[in-house]
Amino acid sequence: MDCTYCGKPVQEGQSFCNYCGRKLSEEAPTEYIPYQQPYYYYPVTQPVQAKKWSKGKIALIVLAAVLGLGAMMTAYGFTVYYRVEEVMDAVDYWNRAESSFRAGDYRKAVEYCDLAIDSAPEFAKPYELRGMSLYEMGRYEEARSDLEKALDLDSDLVNAKEYLDKLDAAARE
């Protein structure tokens, strides 16, 4: 025997169809009625809307970041450039002072050392050379001060140590 609604086979004596769930009757329907799944209602929830940033805000933030980064890089570049120039000037003046010292022109060597120290006060070599020049000129107290300053900045300066030893030996005599 078949179900009169869905046409599926059913066993004799069943009251309902196992497939469509309808009550079995001896009367056949006049037209075919397809089985429909029951409709279940699921409440629809609205998704949470994230705050949207306008294109203008994003562009403004990007522009501010680029300008800020550019300003920092420019400031750093100028600082490095001028600092390198100062050190190069100090090295140039120190080289001139060393040439004057070797030629025996101690007064000129002191002048060039003064310029080098003005350009880069943390550069130890001009203090050392100025102290050596002052020693050769007989200005021992000033020489001691410069040689000690040079050793404070760079403890590996051999000439500064030698001249300080000469000053100590002269003081003992």
Protein backbone atom coordinates (compact mmCIF):
# COMPACT_ATOMS: atom_id res chain seq x y z
CA MET A 1 0.00 0.00 0.00
CA ASP A 2 1.19 3.55 -0.78
CA CYS A 3 0.48 6.88 0.94
CA THR A 4 -2.25 8.70 -0.93
CA TYR A 5 -0.53 12.07 -0.34
CA CYS A 6 3.20 11.48 -1.01
CA GLY A 7 3.12 8.15 -2.80
CA LYS A 8 5.64 6.46 -0.52
CA PRO A 9 5.15 2.85 0.54
CA VAL A 10 3.51 2.28 3.94
CA GLN A 11 2.72 -0.92 5.81
CA GLU A 12 -0.76 -2.24 6.24
CA GLY A 13 -2.40 -1.07 9.43
CA GLN A 14 -0.44 2.18 9.83
CA SER A 15 -2.46 5.23 10.73
CA PHE A 16 0.14 7.82 9.62
CA CYS A 17 2.70 7.96 6.81
CA ASN A 18 6.33 7.64 8.00
CA TYR A 19 7.47 10.10 5.30
CA CYS A 20 4.95 12.92 5.15
CA GLY A 21 3.34 12.42 8.57
CA ARG A 22 -0.23 12.72 7.30
CA LYS A 23 -3.09 10.59 8.47
CA LEU A 24 -3.74 7.73 6.16
CA SER A 25 -7.27 7.48 4.86
CA GLU A 26 -8.92 5.36 2.32
CA GLU A 27 -9.95 8.32 0.27
CA ALA A 28 -7.45 9.55 -2.23
CA PRO A 29 -7.07 13.28 -2.71
CA THR A 30 -8.33 14.73 -5.91
CA GLU A 31 -5.00 16.45 -6.62
CA TYR A 32 -1.41 15.94 -5.55
CA ILE A 33 -0.37 18.06 -2.51
CA PRO A 34 3.45 18.11 -2.01
CA TYR A 35 4.82 17.86 1.47
CA GLN A 36 6.13 21.13 2.91
CA GLN A 37 8.60 21.47 5.70
CA PRO A 38 7.23 23.32 8.71
CA TYR A 39 8.43 26.95 8.88
CA TYR A 40 10.42 27.90 11.94
CA TYR A 41 10.81 31.57 12.84
CA TYR A 42 14.32 32.66 13.82
CA PRO A 43 14.54 36.21 15.09
CA VAL A 44 16.81 38.34 12.96
CA THR A 45 19.28 40.44 14.92
CA GLN A 46 20.92 43.47 13.42
CA PRO A 47 24.72 43.29 13.28
CA VAL A 48 26.56 45.80 15.41
CA GLN A 49 27.77 48.61 13.24
CA ALA A 50 31.43 49.55 13.74
CA LYS A 51 32.19 53.25 13.78
CA LYS A 52 33.29 54.24 10.35
CA TRP A 53 36.03 56.78 9.84
CA SER A 54 35.45 59.18 7.07
CA LYS A 55 37.97 59.42 4.28
CA GLY A 56 38.70 62.98 5.36
CA LYS A 57 39.69 61.90 8.88
CA ILE A 58 41.93 59.13 7.57
CA ALA A 59 43.59 61.50 5.11
CA LEU A 60 44.13 64.08 7.87
CA ILE A 61 45.76 61.51 10.18
CA VAL A 62 48.02 60.21 7.41
CA LEU A 63 49.00 63.76 6.44
CA ALA A 64 49.81 64.67 10.06
CA ALA A 65 51.92 61.53 10.47
CA VAL A 66 53.85 62.19 7.25
CA LEU A 67 54.46 65.84 8.12
CA GLY A 68 55.54 64.96 11.66
CA LEU A 69 57.91 62.28 10.43
CA GLY A 70 59.30 64.63 7.79
CA ALA A 71 59.89 67.37 10.35
CA MET A 72 61.71 64.99 12.68
CA MET A 73 63.90 63.64 9.88
CA THR A 74 64.70 67.15 8.68
CA ALA A 75 65.64 68.32 12.17
CA TYR A 76 67.80 65.25 12.71
CA GLY A 77 69.44 65.69 9.30
CA PHE A 78 70.34 69.31 9.99
CA THR A 79 71.69 68.41 13.41
CA VAL A 80 73.88 65.65 12.02
CA TYR A 81 75.04 67.80 9.10
CA TYR A 82 76.06 70.75 11.25
CA ARG A 83 77.60 68.48 13.88
CA VAL A 84 79.74 66.81 11.21
CA GLU A 85 80.76 70.23 9.92
CA GLU A 86 81.82 71.29 13.42
CA VAL A 87 83.89 68.15 13.93
CA MET A 88 85.48 68.51 10.51
CA ASP A 89 86.40 72.11 11.34
CA ALA A 90 87.92 70.97 14.63
CA VAL A 91 89.98 68.28 12.89
CA ASP A 92 91.15 70.80 10.28
CA TYR A 93 92.20 73.28 12.98
CA TRP A 94 93.93 70.51 14.94
CA ASN A 95 95.89 69.45 11.83
CA ARG A 96 97.01 73.07 11.33
CA ALA A 97 97.97 73.30 15.00
CA GLU A 98 100.00 70.10 14.75
CA SER A 99 101.85 71.43 11.69
CA SER A 100 102.61 74.67 13.54
CA PHE A 101 103.81 72.73 16.61
CA ARG A 102 106.18 70.61 14.51
CA ALA A 103 107.49 73.77 12.85
CA GLY A 104 108.19 75.24 16.29
CA ASP A 105 105.54 78.00 16.05
CA TYR A 106 103.91 77.27 19.43
CA ARG A 107 101.94 80.52 19.58
CA LYS A 108 100.22 79.71 16.26
CA ALA A 109 99.63 76.12 17.44
CA VAL A 110 97.85 77.47 20.55
CA GLU A 111 95.66 79.72 18.37
CA TYR A 112 94.62 76.83 16.12
CA CYS A 113 93.97 74.62 19.17
CA ASP A 114 91.71 77.36 20.59
CA LEU A 115 89.69 77.34 17.34
CA ALA A 116 89.47 73.52 17.37
CA ILE A 117 88.28 73.51 20.98
CA ASP A 118 85.66 76.15 20.19
CA SER A 119 84.37 73.97 17.33
CA ALA A 120 84.29 70.67 19.25
CA PRO A 121 84.91 70.95 23.01
CA GLU A 122 84.77 67.16 23.51
CA PHE A 123 87.68 66.54 21.10
CA ALA A 124 90.67 65.65 23.31
CA LYS A 125 93.53 66.05 20.82
CA PRO A 126 93.45 69.90 20.71
CA TYR A 127 93.68 70.04 24.53
CA GLU A 128 96.67 67.72 24.41
CA LEU A 129 98.44 69.71 21.69
CA ARG A 130 97.67 73.04 23.35
CA GLY A 131 99.09 71.70 26.62
CA MET A 132 102.24 70.52 24.83
CA SER A 133 102.62 73.93 23.11
CA LEU A 134 102.10 75.79 26.39
CA TYR A 135 104.72 73.58 28.05
CA GLU A 136 107.21 74.43 25.30
CA MET A 137 106.39 78.13 25.80
CA GLY A 138 107.11 77.81 29.55
CA ARG A 139 103.48 78.31 30.68
CA TYR A 140 103.45 75.23 32.91
CA GLU A 141 100.26 75.75 34.95
CA GLU A 142 98.13 76.30 31.85
CA ALA A 143 99.86 73.33 30.22
CA ARG A 144 99.01 71.09 33.22
CA SER A 145 95.36 72.17 33.08
CA ASP A 146 95.04 71.36 29.36
CA LEU A 147 96.90 68.05 29.62
CA GLU A 148 94.68 66.92 32.52
CA LYS A 149 91.56 67.95 30.57
CA ALA A 150 92.80 65.96 27.56
CA LEU A 151 93.32 62.88 29.73
CA ASP A 152 89.85 63.32 31.24
CA LEU A 153 88.38 63.19 27.74
CA ASP A 154 90.64 60.38 26.46
CA SER A 155 92.79 58.44 28.91
CA ASP A 156 94.84 56.80 26.13
CA LEU A 157 96.74 59.92 25.02
CA VAL A 158 100.40 58.97 25.36
CA ASN A 159 101.86 62.44 24.71
CA ALA A 160 99.68 64.01 27.39
CA LYS A 161 100.95 61.44 29.91
CA GLU A 162 104.59 62.07 28.90
CA TYR A 163 104.25 65.84 29.23
CA LEU A 164 102.50 65.50 32.60
CA ASP A 165 105.42 63.31 33.75
CA LYS A 166 107.81 66.06 32.57
CA LEU A 167 105.81 68.63 34.54
CA ASP A 168 105.87 66.42 37.66
CA ALA A 169 109.63 65.87 37.32
CA ALA A 170 110.21 69.63 36.93
CA ALA A 171 108.06 70.30 40.00
CA ARG A 172 110.09 67.84 42.12
CA GLU A 173 113.36 69.56 41.27
